[in-house]
Amino acid sequence: MTPSPTEEARVRRVTPAEAGVQTEQSSGVRTIQLLTTPEDHRVAQLAAAAIALALVDAAIPLPLPGVKPGLANIVTLLVLYRYGFGTAAWVTGLRVFAGALLLGHFLAPGFFLSLTGASSSLFVLAAAQHLPRRWFGPVSLSVLAAFAHIGGQLLLARAWLIPHDGVFLLAPVFLAAALFFGIINGLIVARLLGEMGNHDEAELQHA
């Protein structure tokens, strides 16, 4: 029985070229080379920067567990402004998983808190990036992302780790820290974006 075109499309094998894989065979040895793009290199470099800042973040001693500067969010906001939400999501995801592996708490409660906070921040940034930039700049987005991050973590802690409403008694402290560090990180992002813009203009003038 001859298969229909739909069945042929469903069972068609994907060629290595379509999958971004290049194969070479010489002297009986077959090697496989993964083809990368400049976009892949850029994501890897930005994710490495975010991971490095996350490690610095974890090494800073603070009086209250869970209160962190959120230095990696600086990279997330820079990527969002320069390359769009998709790249920012990739960088954030790689940072969360790689950071958890390097810090030794992958699949531990700290990993899920970090994942929840990062996901909440991305969700808010995805919506906030469509707001008028005249009123919502890097500082505003940084503060919103910080609030979303700590809010998501508090909700997860209440639902899973500390099933008691008393956990919300710490909310004012966490929100105050999120506001403070959100403003600082946002100011850093605004400064870096300004310097990048001046650099791009200088390159265009010399081109």
N, C-alpha and C. Protein backbone atom coordinates (compact mmCIF):
# COMPACT_ATOMS: atom_id res chain seq x y z
N MET A 1 0.84 -1.19 0.00
CA MET A 1 0.00 0.00 0.00
C MET A 1 0.88 1.24 0.00
N THR A 2 0.62 2.18 -0.88
CA THR A 2 1.42 3.40 -1.00
C THR A 2 1.01 4.40 0.05
N PRO A 3 1.98 4.91 0.85
CA PRO A 3 1.60 5.89 1.89
C PRO A 3 1.17 7.20 1.29
N SER A 4 0.29 7.88 1.97
CA SER A 4 -0.18 9.18 1.51
C SER A 4 0.91 10.22 1.71
N PRO A 5 0.81 11.38 1.00
CA PRO A 5 1.80 12.43 1.21
C PRO A 5 1.91 12.89 2.66
N THR A 6 0.76 12.87 3.38
CA THR A 6 0.80 13.27 4.79
C THR A 6 1.64 12.31 5.61
N GLU A 7 1.47 10.99 5.33
CA GLU A 7 2.25 9.99 6.07
C GLU A 7 3.72 10.08 5.71
N GLU A 8 4.03 10.38 4.41
CA GLU A 8 5.42 10.51 4.01
C GLU A 8 6.06 11.69 4.73
N ALA A 9 5.34 12.81 4.87
CA ALA A 9 5.88 13.98 5.56
C ALA A 9 6.10 13.69 7.03
N ARG A 10 5.22 12.81 7.60
CA ARG A 10 5.32 12.53 9.02
C ARG A 10 6.51 11.65 9.33
N VAL A 11 6.89 10.75 8.40
CA VAL A 11 7.97 9.80 8.65
C VAL A 11 9.26 10.22 7.97
N ARG A 12 9.28 11.37 7.27
CA ARG A 12 10.50 11.78 6.57
C ARG A 12 11.60 12.06 7.56
N ARG A 13 12.78 11.55 7.30
CA ARG A 13 13.92 11.78 8.17
C ARG A 13 14.51 13.15 7.92
N VAL A 14 14.89 13.82 8.99
CA VAL A 14 15.52 15.12 8.89
C VAL A 14 16.99 14.92 8.56
N THR A 15 17.46 15.58 7.52
CA THR A 15 18.85 15.45 7.12
C THR A 15 19.75 16.18 8.10
N PRO A 16 21.04 15.78 8.20
CA PRO A 16 21.95 16.49 9.09
C PRO A 16 22.08 17.97 8.77
N ALA A 17 22.01 18.32 7.48
CA ALA A 17 22.13 19.74 7.11
C ALA A 17 20.98 20.54 7.67
N GLU A 18 19.76 19.95 7.66
CA GLU A 18 18.60 20.64 8.19
C GLU A 18 18.69 20.82 9.69
N ALA A 19 19.35 19.90 10.36
CA ALA A 19 19.47 19.97 11.82
C ALA A 19 20.66 20.78 12.27
N GLY A 20 21.40 21.37 11.35
CA GLY A 20 22.55 22.17 11.73
C GLY A 20 23.75 21.33 12.10
N VAL A 21 23.83 20.11 11.55
CA VAL A 21 24.92 19.20 11.87
C VAL A 21 25.67 18.87 10.58
N GLN A 22 26.97 18.95 10.63
CA GLN A 22 27.80 18.65 9.48
C GLN A 22 28.63 17.40 9.78
N THR A 23 28.59 16.42 8.90
CA THR A 23 29.32 15.18 9.12
C THR A 23 30.46 15.06 8.13
N GLU A 24 31.57 14.54 8.60
CA GLU A 24 32.73 14.30 7.76
C GLU A 24 33.22 12.89 8.02
N GLN A 25 33.72 12.24 6.98
CA GLN A 25 34.21 10.88 7.12
C GLN A 25 35.53 10.75 6.38
N SER A 26 36.56 10.39 7.09
CA SER A 26 37.88 10.21 6.50
C SER A 26 38.61 9.11 7.24
N SER A 27 39.26 8.24 6.47
CA SER A 27 40.04 7.12 7.03
C SER A 27 39.19 6.24 7.92
N GLY A 28 37.95 6.08 7.56
CA GLY A 28 37.07 5.21 8.32
C GLY A 28 36.56 5.82 9.61
N VAL A 29 36.92 7.06 9.92
CA VAL A 29 36.47 7.72 11.15
C VAL A 29 35.46 8.79 10.78
N ARG A 30 34.32 8.73 11.39
CA ARG A 30 33.25 9.68 11.12
C ARG A 30 33.17 10.71 12.24
N THR A 31 33.25 11.96 11.89
CA THR A 31 33.17 13.04 12.88
C THR A 31 31.93 13.87 12.62
N ILE A 32 31.40 14.44 13.67
CA ILE A 32 30.20 15.28 13.60
C ILE A 32 30.55 16.67 14.10
N GLN A 33 30.25 17.67 13.31
CA GLN A 33 30.50 19.05 13.68
C GLN A 33 29.17 19.79 13.79
N LEU A 34 28.95 20.41 14.93
CA LEU A 34 27.74 21.22 15.13
C LEU A 34 27.98 22.61 14.56
N LEU A 35 27.10 23.04 13.70
CA LEU A 35 27.23 24.35 13.07
C LEU A 35 26.60 25.41 13.97
N THR A 36 27.37 26.41 14.32
CA THR A 36 26.87 27.49 15.17
C THR A 36 26.77 28.78 14.37
N THR A 37 25.95 29.67 14.86
CA THR A 37 25.71 30.95 14.21
C THR A 37 26.24 32.07 15.10
N PRO A 38 26.42 33.26 14.55
CA PRO A 38 26.80 34.40 15.40
C PRO A 38 25.81 34.64 16.54
N GLU A 39 24.54 34.35 16.30
CA GLU A 39 23.53 34.49 17.36
C GLU A 39 23.83 33.53 18.51
N ASP A 40 24.23 32.29 18.19
CA ASP A 40 24.59 31.33 19.23
C ASP A 40 25.77 31.82 20.05
N HIS A 41 26.78 32.38 19.37
CA HIS A 41 27.95 32.89 20.08
C HIS A 41 27.58 34.05 21.00
N ARG A 42 26.70 34.91 20.52
CA ARG A 42 26.30 36.06 21.31
C ARG A 42 25.54 35.62 22.56
N VAL A 43 24.61 34.68 22.40
CA VAL A 43 23.86 34.18 23.54
C VAL A 43 24.80 33.53 24.56
N ALA A 44 25.78 32.76 24.07
CA ALA A 44 26.72 32.10 24.97
C ALA A 44 27.55 33.12 25.75
N GLN A 45 28.02 34.16 25.08
CA GLN A 45 28.83 35.17 25.76
C GLN A 45 28.02 35.94 26.79
N LEU A 46 26.79 36.30 26.44
CA LEU A 46 25.95 37.04 27.38
C LEU A 46 25.54 36.16 28.56
N ALA A 47 25.26 34.89 28.28
CA ALA A 47 24.92 33.98 29.37
C ALA A 47 26.11 33.78 30.30
N ALA A 48 27.33 33.72 29.74
CA ALA A 48 28.52 33.58 30.58
C ALA A 48 28.67 34.80 31.50
N ALA A 49 28.40 35.99 30.96
CA ALA A 49 28.47 37.20 31.79
C ALA A 49 27.42 37.16 32.90
N ALA A 50 26.21 36.72 32.57
CA ALA A 50 25.15 36.64 33.58
C ALA A 50 25.48 35.60 34.65
N ILE A 51 26.06 34.48 34.24
CA ILE A 51 26.44 33.43 35.20
C ILE A 51 27.53 33.95 36.13
N ALA A 52 28.51 34.66 35.58
CA ALA A 52 29.58 35.21 36.41
C ALA A 52 29.02 36.18 37.45
N LEU A 53 28.09 37.04 37.04
CA LEU A 53 27.49 37.97 37.99
C LEU A 53 26.62 37.25 39.03
N ALA A 54 25.98 36.16 38.62
CA ALA A 54 25.18 35.38 39.57
C ALA A 54 26.08 34.74 40.63
N LEU A 55 27.26 34.29 40.22
CA LEU A 55 28.20 33.72 41.19
C LEU A 55 28.71 34.79 42.15
N VAL A 56 28.98 35.98 41.62
CA VAL A 56 29.37 37.10 42.50
C VAL A 56 28.24 37.43 43.46
N ASP A 57 27.02 37.42 42.94
CA ASP A 57 25.83 37.70 43.74
C ASP A 57 25.74 36.73 44.92
N ALA A 58 25.98 35.44 44.64
CA ALA A 58 25.86 34.42 45.68
C ALA A 58 26.97 34.53 46.72
N ALA A 59 28.11 35.13 46.33
CA ALA A 59 29.24 35.23 47.26
C ALA A 59 29.16 36.44 48.17
N ILE A 60 28.26 37.37 47.90
CA ILE A 60 28.15 38.58 48.72
C ILE A 60 27.42 38.25 50.02
N PRO A 61 28.06 38.45 51.17
CA PRO A 61 27.38 38.17 52.44
C PRO A 61 26.34 39.23 52.76
N LEU A 62 25.13 38.77 53.07
CA LEU A 62 24.04 39.68 53.40
C LEU A 62 23.36 39.20 54.69
N PRO A 63 22.79 40.12 55.47
CA PRO A 63 22.24 39.73 56.78
C PRO A 63 21.01 38.84 56.71
N LEU A 64 20.24 38.91 55.62
CA LEU A 64 18.99 38.16 55.53
C LEU A 64 19.01 37.26 54.31
N PRO A 65 18.81 35.95 54.47
CA PRO A 65 18.79 35.04 53.32
C PRO A 65 17.71 35.44 52.32
N GLY A 66 18.06 35.38 51.06
CA GLY A 66 17.10 35.74 50.01
C GLY A 66 17.22 37.16 49.53
N VAL A 67 17.89 38.02 50.30
CA VAL A 67 18.09 39.41 49.89
C VAL A 67 19.41 39.48 49.13
N LYS A 68 19.31 39.69 47.82
CA LYS A 68 20.50 39.73 46.97
C LYS A 68 20.42 40.94 46.04
N PRO A 69 21.57 41.45 45.60
CA PRO A 69 21.54 42.60 44.68
C PRO A 69 20.92 42.28 43.32
N GLY A 70 20.96 41.01 42.91
CA GLY A 70 20.41 40.66 41.59
C GLY A 70 21.23 41.23 40.45
N LEU A 71 22.55 41.08 40.56
CA LEU A 71 23.44 41.67 39.54
C LEU A 71 23.20 41.08 38.16
N ALA A 72 22.81 39.81 38.10
CA ALA A 72 22.58 39.18 36.79
C ALA A 72 21.43 39.83 36.04
N ASN A 73 20.53 40.50 36.77
CA ASN A 73 19.42 41.19 36.11
C ASN A 73 19.90 42.35 35.25
N ILE A 74 21.09 42.86 35.55
CA ILE A 74 21.66 43.91 34.71
C ILE A 74 21.86 43.39 33.29
N VAL A 75 22.41 42.18 33.18
CA VAL A 75 22.62 41.58 31.86
C VAL A 75 21.28 41.31 31.18
N THR A 76 20.31 40.82 31.94
CA THR A 76 18.99 40.53 31.36
C THR A 76 18.37 41.78 30.74
N LEU A 77 18.42 42.89 31.46
CA LEU A 77 17.84 44.13 30.94
C LEU A 77 18.62 44.66 29.74
N LEU A 78 19.94 44.58 29.80
CA LEU A 78 20.74 45.01 28.66
C LEU A 78 20.40 44.20 27.41
N VAL A 79 20.28 42.89 27.58
CA VAL A 79 19.94 42.02 26.44
C VAL A 79 18.54 42.33 25.93
N LEU A 80 17.62 42.59 26.84
CA LEU A 80 16.25 42.91 26.44
C LEU A 80 16.22 44.16 25.57
N TYR A 81 16.95 45.17 25.97
CA TYR A 81 16.96 46.43 25.21
C TYR A 81 17.73 46.30 23.90
N ARG A 82 18.79 45.52 23.91
CA ARG A 82 19.66 45.47 22.72
C ARG A 82 19.24 44.41 21.71
N TYR A 83 18.77 43.26 22.21
CA TYR A 83 18.55 42.12 21.31
C TYR A 83 17.15 41.54 21.37
N GLY A 84 16.30 42.01 22.26
CA GLY A 84 14.92 41.56 22.29
C GLY A 84 14.64 40.53 23.38
N PHE A 85 13.35 40.24 23.53
CA PHE A 85 12.92 39.37 24.61
C PHE A 85 13.39 37.93 24.43
N GLY A 86 13.39 37.42 23.20
CA GLY A 86 13.78 36.04 22.98
C GLY A 86 15.19 35.74 23.46
N THR A 87 16.13 36.61 23.11
CA THR A 87 17.51 36.43 23.56
C THR A 87 17.62 36.58 25.06
N ALA A 88 16.87 37.53 25.63
CA ALA A 88 16.89 37.71 27.08
C ALA A 88 16.38 36.46 27.80
N ALA A 89 15.36 35.82 27.25
CA ALA A 89 14.84 34.59 27.86
C ALA A 89 15.87 33.47 27.81
N TRP A 90 16.56 33.34 26.67
CA TRP A 90 17.61 32.33 26.54
C TRP A 90 18.72 32.56 27.56
N VAL A 91 19.18 33.79 27.65
CA VAL A 91 20.27 34.12 28.58
C VAL A 91 19.85 33.84 30.02
N THR A 92 18.63 34.21 30.37
CA THR A 92 18.15 33.99 31.73
C THR A 92 18.04 32.50 32.04
N GLY A 93 17.50 31.73 31.12
CA GLY A 93 17.37 30.30 31.34
C GLY A 93 18.72 29.62 31.51
N LEU A 94 19.67 29.96 30.65
CA LEU A 94 21.01 29.37 30.77
C LEU A 94 21.66 29.78 32.08
N ARG A 95 21.44 31.03 32.47
CA ARG A 95 22.03 31.50 33.73
C ARG A 95 21.48 30.75 34.94
N VAL A 96 20.18 30.51 34.95
CA VAL A 96 19.57 29.82 36.09
C VAL A 96 20.06 28.39 36.20
N PHE A 97 20.07 27.66 35.08
CA PHE A 97 20.45 26.25 35.12
C PHE A 97 21.95 26.09 35.35
N ALA A 98 22.77 26.85 34.62
CA ALA A 98 24.22 26.73 34.79
C ALA A 98 24.65 27.22 36.16
N GLY A 99 24.05 28.30 36.63
CA GLY A 99 24.38 28.80 37.96
C GLY A 99 24.05 27.79 39.05
N ALA A 100 22.91 27.12 38.91
CA ALA A 100 22.53 26.10 39.89
C ALA A 100 23.51 24.93 39.89
N LEU A 101 23.96 24.54 38.70
CA LEU A 101 24.94 23.45 38.63
C LEU A 101 26.27 23.85 39.25
N LEU A 102 26.72 25.07 38.99
CA LEU A 102 28.00 25.52 39.52
C LEU A 102 27.96 25.72 41.04
N LEU A 103 26.81 26.17 41.54
CA LEU A 103 26.67 26.40 42.97
C LEU A 103 26.28 25.14 43.74
N GLY A 104 25.95 24.08 43.01
CA GLY A 104 25.66 22.81 43.66
C GLY A 104 24.27 22.68 44.25
N HIS A 105 23.31 23.48 43.78
CA HIS A 105 21.95 23.32 44.31
C HIS A 105 20.93 23.07 43.20
N PHE A 106 21.35 22.36 42.16
CA PHE A 106 20.43 22.01 41.08
C PHE A 106 19.36 21.06 41.61
N LEU A 107 18.09 21.37 41.34
CA LEU A 107 16.91 20.64 41.80
C LEU A 107 16.70 20.72 43.31
N ALA A 108 17.48 21.56 44.00
CA ALA A 108 17.24 21.83 45.41
C ALA A 108 16.22 22.97 45.52
N PRO A 109 15.70 23.22 46.71
CA PRO A 109 14.72 24.31 46.85
C PRO A 109 15.24 25.65 46.32
N GLY A 110 16.53 25.94 46.51
CA GLY A 110 17.08 27.19 46.01
C GLY A 110 16.99 27.31 44.50
N PHE A 111 17.13 26.17 43.81
CA PHE A 111 17.02 26.20 42.35
C PHE A 111 15.61 26.57 41.93
N PHE A 112 14.62 25.97 42.55
CA PHE A 112 13.24 26.25 42.16
C PHE A 112 12.84 27.67 42.54
N LEU A 113 13.38 28.19 43.65
CA LEU A 113 13.13 29.59 43.99
C LEU A 113 13.73 30.51 42.93
N SER A 114 14.95 30.21 42.52
CA SER A 114 15.60 31.02 41.49
C SER A 114 14.85 30.94 40.17
N LEU A 115 14.43 29.73 39.80
CA LEU A 115 13.70 29.54 38.55
C LEU A 115 12.37 30.28 38.57
N THR A 116 11.67 30.21 39.70
CA THR A 116 10.39 30.89 39.82
C THR A 116 10.57 32.41 39.75
N GLY A 117 11.57 32.91 40.46
CA GLY A 117 11.83 34.34 40.43
C GLY A 117 12.19 34.84 39.04
N ALA A 118 13.07 34.09 38.35
CA ALA A 118 13.47 34.48 37.01
C ALA A 118 12.30 34.42 36.03
N SER A 119 11.48 33.38 36.15
CA SER A 119 10.32 33.27 35.27
C SER A 119 9.32 34.39 35.51
N SER A 120 9.11 34.74 36.76
CA SER A 120 8.20 35.84 37.08
C SER A 120 8.72 37.16 36.52
N SER A 121 10.03 37.37 36.64
CA SER A 121 10.63 38.60 36.10
C SER A 121 10.48 38.67 34.59
N LEU A 122 10.72 37.55 33.92
CA LEU A 122 10.59 37.53 32.46
C LEU A 122 9.15 37.80 32.03
N PHE A 123 8.20 37.23 32.77
CA PHE A 123 6.79 37.44 32.43
C PHE A 123 6.43 38.92 32.53
N VAL A 124 6.89 39.57 33.59
CA VAL A 124 6.61 40.99 33.78
C VAL A 124 7.33 41.83 32.72
N LEU A 125 8.59 41.49 32.42
CA LEU A 125 9.34 42.23 31.41
C LEU A 125 8.71 42.09 30.03
N ALA A 126 8.16 40.90 29.75
CA ALA A 126 7.51 40.68 28.46
C ALA A 126 6.32 41.62 28.28
N ALA A 127 5.61 41.86 29.38
CA ALA A 127 4.47 42.78 29.31
C ALA A 127 4.92 44.24 29.38
N ALA A 128 5.93 44.52 30.22
CA ALA A 128 6.34 45.91 30.45
C ALA A 128 7.08 46.51 29.27
N GLN A 129 7.69 45.67 28.42
CA GLN A 129 8.44 46.23 27.30
C GLN A 129 7.54 46.91 26.27
N HIS A 130 6.23 46.66 26.35
CA HIS A 130 5.29 47.30 25.44
C HIS A 130 4.73 48.61 26.01
N LEU A 131 5.12 48.95 27.23
CA LEU A 131 4.66 50.20 27.83
C LEU A 131 5.41 51.38 27.21
N PRO A 132 4.85 52.58 27.28
CA PRO A 132 5.52 53.75 26.69
C PRO A 132 6.91 53.96 27.31
N ARG A 133 7.93 53.98 26.47
CA ARG A 133 9.29 54.11 26.99
C ARG A 133 9.57 55.49 27.53
N ARG A 134 8.69 56.43 27.22
CA ARG A 134 8.87 57.76 27.77
C ARG A 134 8.70 57.74 29.28
N TRP A 135 7.83 56.85 29.77
CA TRP A 135 7.54 56.78 31.20
C TRP A 135 8.14 55.55 31.85
N PHE A 136 8.43 54.54 31.08
CA PHE A 136 8.95 53.29 31.64
C PHE A 136 10.31 52.98 30.99
N GLY A 137 11.36 53.45 31.63
CA GLY A 137 12.71 53.24 31.15
C GLY A 137 13.37 52.08 31.87
N PRO A 138 14.70 51.99 31.78
CA PRO A 138 15.43 50.88 32.42
C PRO A 138 15.22 50.81 33.93
N VAL A 139 15.14 51.96 34.60
CA VAL A 139 14.95 51.94 36.05
C VAL A 139 13.58 51.38 36.41
N SER A 140 12.55 51.83 35.71
CA SER A 140 11.20 51.32 35.99
C SER A 140 11.10 49.82 35.73
N LEU A 141 11.66 49.37 34.60
CA LEU A 141 11.60 47.94 34.29
C LEU A 141 12.41 47.13 35.28
N SER A 142 13.53 47.68 35.74
CA SER A 142 14.35 46.97 36.71
C SER A 142 13.60 46.79 38.03
N VAL A 143 12.91 47.84 38.47
CA VAL A 143 12.14 47.76 39.71
C VAL A 143 10.98 46.78 39.56
N LEU A 144 10.28 46.83 38.44
CA LEU A 144 9.18 45.89 38.21
C LEU A 144 9.67 44.45 38.20
N ALA A 145 10.80 44.22 37.55
CA ALA A 145 11.36 42.88 37.50
C ALA A 145 11.78 42.40 38.88
N ALA A 146 12.36 43.31 39.68
CA ALA A 146 12.77 42.94 41.04
C ALA A 146 11.56 42.60 41.90
N PHE A 147 10.49 43.39 41.79
CA PHE A 147 9.26 43.09 42.54
C PHE A 147 8.68 41.74 42.11
N ALA A 148 8.66 41.49 40.81
CA ALA A 148 8.13 40.22 40.31
C ALA A 148 8.98 39.04 40.80
N HIS A 149 10.28 39.25 40.82
CA HIS A 149 11.20 38.19 41.25
C HIS A 149 10.94 37.79 42.70
N ILE A 150 10.91 38.77 43.58
CA ILE A 150 10.71 38.45 44.99
C ILE A 150 9.27 38.02 45.25
N GLY A 151 8.31 38.57 44.50
CA GLY A 151 6.93 38.15 44.66
C GLY A 151 6.72 36.69 44.29
N GLY A 152 7.31 36.28 43.18
CA GLY A 152 7.20 34.88 42.77
C GLY A 152 7.84 33.94 43.79
N GLN A 153 8.98 34.35 44.33
CA GLN A 153 9.66 33.52 45.32
C GLN A 153 8.86 33.41 46.61
N LEU A 154 8.26 34.51 47.04
CA LEU A 154 7.45 34.47 48.26
C LEU A 154 6.23 33.56 48.09
N LEU A 155 5.60 33.63 46.94
CA LEU A 155 4.43 32.77 46.69
C LEU A 155 4.82 31.30 46.67
N LEU A 156 5.97 30.99 46.05
CA LEU A 156 6.43 29.59 46.03
C LEU A 156 6.79 29.13 47.44
N ALA A 157 7.46 29.99 48.21
CA ALA A 157 7.81 29.62 49.58
C ALA A 157 6.56 29.37 50.41
N ARG A 158 5.53 30.20 50.21
CA ARG A 158 4.28 30.01 50.97
C ARG A 158 3.58 28.72 50.56
N ALA A 159 3.60 28.40 49.28
CA ALA A 159 2.88 27.23 48.79
C ALA A 159 3.62 25.92 49.06
N TRP A 160 4.95 25.99 49.19
CA TRP A 160 5.73 24.74 49.23
C TRP A 160 6.61 24.63 50.48
N LEU A 161 7.48 25.61 50.68
CA LEU A 161 8.50 25.48 51.72
C LEU A 161 8.00 25.86 53.11
N ILE A 162 7.27 26.96 53.21
CA ILE A 162 6.75 27.43 54.51
C ILE A 162 5.25 27.63 54.37
N PRO A 163 4.45 26.58 54.51
CA PRO A 163 2.99 26.71 54.30
C PRO A 163 2.30 27.43 55.44
N HIS A 164 2.67 28.68 55.61
CA HIS A 164 2.08 29.49 56.67
C HIS A 164 2.11 30.95 56.22
N ASP A 165 1.04 31.66 56.54
CA ASP A 165 0.96 33.06 56.10
C ASP A 165 1.99 33.95 56.77
N GLY A 166 2.66 33.45 57.80
CA GLY A 166 3.68 34.24 58.47
C GLY A 166 4.84 34.60 57.57
N VAL A 167 5.00 33.86 56.47
CA VAL A 167 6.09 34.17 55.55
C VAL A 167 5.91 35.56 54.93
N PHE A 168 4.67 36.00 54.83
CA PHE A 168 4.40 37.30 54.23
C PHE A 168 4.76 38.46 55.16
N LEU A 169 5.06 38.15 56.43
CA LEU A 169 5.50 39.21 57.34
C LEU A 169 6.86 39.78 56.91
N LEU A 170 7.61 38.97 56.17
CA LEU A 170 8.91 39.43 55.66
C LEU A 170 8.78 40.20 54.35
N ALA A 171 7.56 40.26 53.79
CA ALA A 171 7.38 40.90 52.50
C ALA A 171 7.86 42.36 52.48
N PRO A 172 7.56 43.17 53.49
CA PRO A 172 8.04 44.56 53.44
C PRO A 172 9.56 44.67 53.35
N VAL A 173 10.27 43.80 54.05
CA VAL A 173 11.73 43.83 54.00
C VAL A 173 12.22 43.45 52.61
N PHE A 174 11.66 42.37 52.06
CA PHE A 174 12.08 41.92 50.73
C PHE A 174 11.72 42.95 49.66
N LEU A 175 10.54 43.54 49.77
CA LEU A 175 10.12 44.52 48.77
C LEU A 175 10.97 45.79 48.85
N ALA A 176 11.34 46.18 50.07
CA ALA A 176 12.21 47.35 50.21
C ALA A 176 13.58 47.08 49.58
N ALA A 177 14.10 45.87 49.80
CA ALA A 177 15.38 45.50 49.18
C ALA A 177 15.25 45.45 47.67
N ALA A 178 14.12 44.92 47.18
CA ALA A 178 13.90 44.85 45.72
C ALA A 178 13.84 46.25 45.13
N LEU A 179 13.20 47.17 45.83
CA LEU A 179 13.12 48.55 45.34
C LEU A 179 14.51 49.18 45.29
N PHE A 180 15.28 49.00 46.35
CA PHE A 180 16.61 49.61 46.42
C PHE A 180 17.53 49.06 45.32
N PHE A 181 17.65 47.73 45.28
CA PHE A 181 18.54 47.13 44.29
C PHE A 181 18.00 47.28 42.87
N GLY A 182 16.67 47.32 42.73
CA GLY A 182 16.11 47.53 41.41
C GLY A 182 16.47 48.90 40.85
N ILE A 183 16.43 49.91 41.71
CA ILE A 183 16.81 51.26 41.26
C ILE A 183 18.30 51.30 40.90
N ILE A 184 19.14 50.73 41.76
CA ILE A 184 20.59 50.73 41.49
C ILE A 184 20.90 50.02 40.18
N ASN A 185 20.36 48.82 40.01
CA ASN A 185 20.62 48.06 38.78
C ASN A 185 20.08 48.79 37.56
N GLY A 186 18.90 49.40 37.70
CA GLY A 186 18.33 50.14 36.59
C GLY A 186 19.19 51.32 36.18
N LEU A 187 19.74 52.04 37.15
CA LEU A 187 20.64 53.15 36.84
C LEU A 187 21.90 52.67 36.12
N ILE A 188 22.40 51.51 36.54
CA ILE A 188 23.58 50.94 35.87
C ILE A 188 23.25 50.60 34.42
N VAL A 189 22.08 49.99 34.21
CA VAL A 189 21.66 49.63 32.86
C VAL A 189 21.50 50.88 31.99
N ALA A 190 20.88 51.92 32.54
CA ALA A 190 20.70 53.16 31.79
C ALA A 190 22.05 53.75 31.39
N ARG A 191 23.00 53.72 32.31
CA ARG A 191 24.34 54.25 32.01
C ARG A 191 25.02 53.43 30.92
N LEU A 192 24.94 52.11 31.03
CA LEU A 192 25.57 51.25 30.03
C LEU A 192 24.91 51.40 28.66
N LEU A 193 23.59 51.53 28.64
CA LEU A 193 22.90 51.71 27.36
C LEU A 193 23.31 53.02 26.72
N GLY A 194 23.48 54.07 27.54
CA GLY A 194 23.94 55.34 26.99
C GLY A 194 25.33 55.24 26.40
N GLU A 195 26.22 54.54 27.09
CA GLU A 195 27.58 54.38 26.58
C GLU A 195 27.59 53.54 25.31
N MET A 196 26.75 52.50 25.28
CA MET A 196 26.67 51.67 24.07
C MET A 196 26.12 52.48 22.90
N GLY A 197 25.13 53.33 23.18
CA GLY A 197 24.58 54.16 22.11
C GLY A 197 25.61 55.13 21.56
N ASN A 198 26.40 55.73 22.44
CA ASN A 198 27.46 56.63 21.97
C ASN A 198 28.51 55.88 21.16
N HIS A 199 28.80 54.64 21.60
CA HIS A 199 29.78 53.85 20.86
C HIS A 199 29.26 53.48 19.48
N ASP A 200 27.97 53.12 19.40
CA ASP A 200 27.39 52.79 18.09
C ASP A 200 27.40 54.00 17.17
N GLU A 201 27.08 55.18 17.71
CA GLU A 201 27.10 56.39 16.88
C GLU A 201 28.52 56.71 16.38
N ALA A 202 29.51 56.50 17.23
CA ALA A 202 30.89 56.75 16.82
C ALA A 202 31.31 55.79 15.71
N GLU A 203 30.87 54.53 15.80
CA GLU A 203 31.21 53.57 14.76
C GLU A 203 30.55 53.94 13.45
N LEU A 204 29.30 54.43 13.50
CA LEU A 204 28.62 54.82 12.27
C LEU A 204 29.29 56.03 11.63
N GLN A 205 29.80 56.93 12.44
CA GLN A 205 30.47 58.11 11.89
C GLN A 205 31.81 57.76 11.24
N HIS A 206 32.49 56.75 11.77
CA HIS A 206 33.76 56.34 11.20
C HIS A 206 33.60 55.35 10.07
N ALA A 207 32.38 54.84 9.87
CA ALA A 207 32.16 53.85 8.81
C ALA A 207 32.19 54.52 7.43
